[in-house]
Amino acid sequence: MALVSDFRTKVLDVVSQIKVGETLSYGEVARRAGSPKAARAVGNILNKNFNPQIPCHRVIRADGQVGGYNRGGKAKIRRLKQEGAKLVFGLTSAKV
């Protein structure tokens, strides 16, 4: 169980460091947290996170689509736009 907890902690730490207006892909978060093949696990961890200090909305799919968000996809797009992320029809033009 400690391994899951350690990975969760690493994921939340990586995500907490994403700057306003920037995004990372789920896969990149997984890579930076030490498990490059764990993109789905990153999504599951972020889906269960409701800590406003962790900007989960800044994590997107590798194909540029915004992906899921535990507060709804429209809210995710709205927050990204408010922060200045460049979105095109629900896709982000930021490098992931």
N, C-alpha and C. Protein backbone atom coordinates (compact mmCIF):
# COMPACT_ATOMS: atom_id res chain seq x y z
N MET A 1 0.82 -1.19 0.00
CA MET A 1 0.00 0.00 0.00
C MET A 1 0.87 1.26 0.00
N ALA A 2 2.04 1.19 0.57
CA ALA A 2 2.91 2.36 0.63
C ALA A 2 3.32 2.83 -0.76
N LEU A 3 3.49 1.89 -1.71
CA LEU A 3 3.87 2.28 -3.06
C LEU A 3 2.80 3.14 -3.72
N VAL A 4 1.54 2.78 -3.54
CA VAL A 4 0.44 3.57 -4.09
C VAL A 4 0.44 4.95 -3.47
N SER A 5 0.59 5.01 -2.18
CA SER A 5 0.60 6.27 -1.45
C SER A 5 1.76 7.15 -1.91
N ASP A 6 2.95 6.54 -2.08
CA ASP A 6 4.11 7.28 -2.53
C ASP A 6 3.89 7.83 -3.94
N PHE A 7 3.34 7.02 -4.83
CA PHE A 7 3.08 7.48 -6.19
C PHE A 7 2.05 8.60 -6.18
N ARG A 8 1.01 8.45 -5.39
CA ARG A 8 -0.02 9.49 -5.28
C ARG A 8 0.61 10.80 -4.82
N THR A 9 1.45 10.73 -3.81
CA THR A 9 2.12 11.92 -3.29
C THR A 9 2.98 12.57 -4.37
N LYS A 10 3.71 11.76 -5.13
CA LYS A 10 4.55 12.28 -6.20
C LYS A 10 3.70 12.95 -7.29
N VAL A 11 2.60 12.32 -7.66
CA VAL A 11 1.71 12.88 -8.68
C VAL A 11 1.19 14.24 -8.23
N LEU A 12 0.69 14.30 -7.02
CA LEU A 12 0.14 15.56 -6.52
C LEU A 12 1.21 16.64 -6.42
N ASP A 13 2.43 16.24 -6.11
CA ASP A 13 3.54 17.20 -6.05
C ASP A 13 3.85 17.74 -7.44
N VAL A 14 3.92 16.85 -8.43
CA VAL A 14 4.18 17.28 -9.81
C VAL A 14 3.10 18.24 -10.27
N VAL A 15 1.84 17.88 -10.05
CA VAL A 15 0.73 18.70 -10.52
C VAL A 15 0.71 20.05 -9.80
N SER A 16 1.06 20.07 -8.53
CA SER A 16 1.04 21.32 -7.78
C SER A 16 2.07 22.32 -8.30
N GLN A 17 3.03 21.85 -9.08
CA GLN A 17 4.08 22.72 -9.62
C GLN A 17 3.78 23.23 -11.03
N ILE A 18 2.66 22.82 -11.63
CA ILE A 18 2.31 23.30 -12.96
C ILE A 18 1.89 24.76 -12.84
N LYS A 19 2.54 25.61 -13.59
CA LYS A 19 2.29 27.05 -13.50
C LYS A 19 0.98 27.45 -14.18
N VAL A 20 0.43 28.57 -13.76
CA VAL A 20 -0.78 29.13 -14.33
C VAL A 20 -0.59 29.32 -15.84
N GLY A 21 -1.58 28.87 -16.62
CA GLY A 21 -1.52 29.02 -18.07
C GLY A 21 -0.77 27.91 -18.77
N GLU A 22 -0.19 26.99 -18.01
CA GLU A 22 0.54 25.87 -18.59
C GLU A 22 -0.21 24.57 -18.33
N THR A 23 0.11 23.56 -19.11
CA THR A 23 -0.49 22.24 -18.94
C THR A 23 0.57 21.16 -19.08
N LEU A 24 0.27 20.00 -18.54
CA LEU A 24 1.06 18.79 -18.75
C LEU A 24 0.10 17.68 -19.12
N SER A 25 0.57 16.71 -19.86
CA SER A 25 -0.27 15.55 -20.17
C SER A 25 -0.24 14.59 -18.98
N TYR A 26 -1.25 13.73 -18.92
CA TYR A 26 -1.29 12.70 -17.88
C TYR A 26 -0.02 11.86 -17.92
N GLY A 27 0.42 11.54 -19.14
CA GLY A 27 1.64 10.74 -19.31
C GLY A 27 2.88 11.45 -18.82
N GLU A 28 2.96 12.74 -19.06
CA GLU A 28 4.12 13.50 -18.60
C GLU A 28 4.13 13.59 -17.08
N VAL A 29 2.96 13.76 -16.49
CA VAL A 29 2.88 13.75 -15.01
C VAL A 29 3.36 12.40 -14.49
N ALA A 30 2.91 11.32 -15.12
CA ALA A 30 3.33 9.97 -14.70
C ALA A 30 4.84 9.82 -14.81
N ARG A 31 5.40 10.29 -15.94
CA ARG A 31 6.85 10.21 -16.14
C ARG A 31 7.60 10.98 -15.05
N ARG A 32 7.16 12.20 -14.79
CA ARG A 32 7.83 13.02 -13.77
C ARG A 32 7.66 12.45 -12.36
N ALA A 33 6.59 11.68 -12.16
CA ALA A 33 6.35 11.06 -10.85
C ALA A 33 7.09 9.72 -10.73
N GLY A 34 7.78 9.31 -11.81
CA GLY A 34 8.60 8.10 -11.74
C GLY A 34 8.01 6.85 -12.33
N SER A 35 6.83 6.92 -12.93
CA SER A 35 6.18 5.75 -13.52
C SER A 35 5.61 6.13 -14.90
N PRO A 36 6.47 6.13 -15.93
CA PRO A 36 6.06 6.65 -17.23
C PRO A 36 4.88 5.94 -17.90
N LYS A 37 4.54 4.74 -17.49
CA LYS A 37 3.43 4.01 -18.10
C LYS A 37 2.14 4.11 -17.28
N ALA A 38 2.10 5.02 -16.32
CA ALA A 38 0.98 5.08 -15.39
C ALA A 38 0.06 6.28 -15.62
N ALA A 39 -0.14 6.66 -16.89
CA ALA A 39 -0.99 7.82 -17.18
C ALA A 39 -2.42 7.61 -16.66
N ARG A 40 -2.97 6.41 -16.81
CA ARG A 40 -4.33 6.15 -16.32
C ARG A 40 -4.40 6.27 -14.81
N ALA A 41 -3.36 5.81 -14.14
CA ALA A 41 -3.32 5.91 -12.67
C ALA A 41 -3.31 7.38 -12.26
N VAL A 42 -2.60 8.22 -13.01
CA VAL A 42 -2.58 9.66 -12.74
C VAL A 42 -4.00 10.21 -12.83
N GLY A 43 -4.71 9.83 -13.90
CA GLY A 43 -6.09 10.28 -14.06
C GLY A 43 -6.97 9.86 -12.89
N ASN A 44 -6.80 8.63 -12.43
CA ASN A 44 -7.60 8.15 -11.30
C ASN A 44 -7.27 8.91 -10.02
N ILE A 45 -6.01 9.20 -9.82
CA ILE A 45 -5.60 9.95 -8.63
C ILE A 45 -6.20 11.36 -8.66
N LEU A 46 -6.10 12.00 -9.81
CA LEU A 46 -6.61 13.37 -9.92
C LEU A 46 -8.13 13.42 -9.84
N ASN A 47 -8.79 12.40 -10.33
CA ASN A 47 -10.25 12.35 -10.26
C ASN A 47 -10.76 12.33 -8.82
N LYS A 48 -9.96 11.79 -7.92
CA LYS A 48 -10.35 11.69 -6.51
C LYS A 48 -9.85 12.88 -5.68
N ASN A 49 -9.13 13.79 -6.30
CA ASN A 49 -8.56 14.91 -5.57
C ASN A 49 -9.49 16.13 -5.62
N PHE A 50 -9.81 16.67 -4.47
CA PHE A 50 -10.64 17.88 -4.40
C PHE A 50 -9.92 19.01 -3.67
N ASN A 51 -8.61 18.86 -3.48
CA ASN A 51 -7.81 19.90 -2.83
C ASN A 51 -7.60 21.05 -3.81
N PRO A 52 -8.11 22.24 -3.51
CA PRO A 52 -7.98 23.36 -4.44
C PRO A 52 -6.53 23.82 -4.65
N GLN A 53 -5.62 23.38 -3.80
CA GLN A 53 -4.20 23.73 -3.94
C GLN A 53 -3.53 22.93 -5.06
N ILE A 54 -4.18 21.85 -5.50
CA ILE A 54 -3.64 20.99 -6.55
C ILE A 54 -4.40 21.31 -7.84
N PRO A 55 -3.78 21.95 -8.82
CA PRO A 55 -4.48 22.38 -10.03
C PRO A 55 -4.68 21.25 -11.05
N CYS A 56 -5.53 20.31 -10.71
CA CYS A 56 -5.78 19.14 -11.57
C CYS A 56 -6.26 19.53 -12.96
N HIS A 57 -6.92 20.67 -13.07
CA HIS A 57 -7.43 21.11 -14.37
C HIS A 57 -6.32 21.39 -15.36
N ARG A 58 -5.09 21.50 -14.91
CA ARG A 58 -3.96 21.78 -15.80
C ARG A 58 -3.36 20.51 -16.41
N VAL A 59 -3.96 19.38 -16.14
CA VAL A 59 -3.49 18.12 -16.72
C VAL A 59 -4.46 17.71 -17.82
N ILE A 60 -3.90 17.50 -19.01
CA ILE A 60 -4.71 17.22 -20.19
C ILE A 60 -4.25 15.93 -20.86
N ARG A 61 -5.00 15.51 -21.87
CA ARG A 61 -4.64 14.31 -22.62
C ARG A 61 -3.46 14.60 -23.55
N ALA A 62 -2.74 13.57 -23.90
CA ALA A 62 -1.57 13.71 -24.77
C ALA A 62 -1.94 14.20 -26.16
N ASP A 63 -3.19 13.95 -26.59
CA ASP A 63 -3.61 14.40 -27.92
C ASP A 63 -4.08 15.85 -27.92
N GLY A 64 -3.98 16.53 -26.78
CA GLY A 64 -4.37 17.93 -26.69
C GLY A 64 -5.78 18.17 -26.21
N GLN A 65 -6.60 17.13 -26.15
CA GLN A 65 -7.95 17.31 -25.62
C GLN A 65 -7.86 17.51 -24.11
N VAL A 66 -8.84 18.21 -23.57
CA VAL A 66 -8.75 18.55 -22.15
C VAL A 66 -8.91 17.34 -21.23
N GLY A 67 -9.62 16.33 -21.64
CA GLY A 67 -9.78 15.15 -20.79
C GLY A 67 -10.78 15.38 -19.67
N GLY A 68 -10.77 14.49 -18.71
CA GLY A 68 -11.75 14.55 -17.63
C GLY A 68 -11.38 15.53 -16.54
N TYR A 69 -12.37 15.78 -15.70
CA TYR A 69 -12.19 16.68 -14.56
C TYR A 69 -13.32 16.39 -13.59
N ASN A 70 -13.00 16.25 -12.32
CA ASN A 70 -14.01 15.84 -11.35
C ASN A 70 -15.07 16.92 -11.08
N ARG A 71 -14.91 18.08 -11.65
CA ARG A 71 -15.92 19.14 -11.53
C ARG A 71 -16.61 19.40 -12.87
N GLY A 72 -16.32 18.55 -13.86
CA GLY A 72 -16.96 18.65 -15.18
C GLY A 72 -16.05 19.27 -16.23
N GLY A 73 -16.20 18.80 -17.46
CA GLY A 73 -15.38 19.25 -18.55
C GLY A 73 -15.51 20.73 -18.87
N LYS A 74 -16.73 21.26 -18.76
CA LYS A 74 -16.93 22.69 -19.04
C LYS A 74 -16.19 23.55 -18.02
N ALA A 75 -16.22 23.10 -16.77
CA ALA A 75 -15.51 23.84 -15.72
C ALA A 75 -14.00 23.82 -15.96
N LYS A 76 -13.50 22.69 -16.46
CA LYS A 76 -12.07 22.57 -16.74
C LYS A 76 -11.68 23.55 -17.86
N ILE A 77 -12.46 23.57 -18.92
CA ILE A 77 -12.18 24.48 -20.03
C ILE A 77 -12.26 25.93 -19.56
N ARG A 78 -13.27 26.25 -18.77
CA ARG A 78 -13.44 27.61 -18.25
C ARG A 78 -12.22 28.03 -17.43
N ARG A 79 -11.78 27.15 -16.55
CA ARG A 79 -10.63 27.48 -15.69
C ARG A 79 -9.36 27.66 -16.51
N LEU A 80 -9.15 26.79 -17.50
CA LEU A 80 -7.96 26.92 -18.35
C LEU A 80 -7.99 28.24 -19.12
N LYS A 81 -9.15 28.60 -19.64
CA LYS A 81 -9.27 29.87 -20.36
C LYS A 81 -9.01 31.04 -19.44
N GLN A 82 -9.55 31.00 -18.21
CA GLN A 82 -9.34 32.07 -17.24
C GLN A 82 -7.86 32.26 -16.93
N GLU A 83 -7.11 31.16 -16.98
CA GLU A 83 -5.68 31.21 -16.66
C GLU A 83 -4.82 31.57 -17.88
N GLY A 84 -5.46 31.69 -19.04
CA GLY A 84 -4.71 32.08 -20.23
C GLY A 84 -4.18 30.94 -21.07
N ALA A 85 -4.60 29.72 -20.78
CA ALA A 85 -4.20 28.60 -21.64
C ALA A 85 -4.89 28.78 -22.98
N LYS A 86 -4.18 28.51 -24.05
CA LYS A 86 -4.75 28.68 -25.39
C LYS A 86 -5.52 27.44 -25.77
N LEU A 87 -6.82 27.59 -25.93
CA LEU A 87 -7.69 26.47 -26.27
C LEU A 87 -8.32 26.70 -27.64
N VAL A 88 -8.41 25.62 -28.41
CA VAL A 88 -9.05 25.67 -29.71
C VAL A 88 -10.09 24.57 -29.75
N PHE A 89 -11.38 24.93 -29.65
CA PHE A 89 -12.48 23.96 -29.68
C PHE A 89 -12.27 22.84 -28.66
N GLY A 90 -11.91 23.20 -27.45
CA GLY A 90 -11.73 22.22 -26.39
C GLY A 90 -10.38 21.54 -26.40
N LEU A 91 -9.56 21.91 -27.37
CA LEU A 91 -8.20 21.38 -27.41
C LEU A 91 -7.27 22.48 -26.93
N THR A 92 -6.15 22.11 -26.40
CA THR A 92 -5.19 23.10 -25.97
C THR A 92 -4.05 23.14 -26.97
N SER A 93 -3.52 24.30 -27.23
CA SER A 93 -2.40 24.41 -28.15
C SER A 93 -1.08 24.36 -27.39
N ALA A 94 -1.14 24.22 -26.08
CA ALA A 94 0.09 24.14 -25.28
C ALA A 94 0.82 22.85 -25.60
N LYS A 95 2.12 22.91 -25.53
CA LYS A 95 2.91 21.69 -25.76
C LYS A 95 2.74 20.77 -24.56
N VAL A 96 2.54 19.49 -24.84
CA VAL A 96 2.36 18.52 -23.74
C VAL A 96 3.43 17.49 -23.79
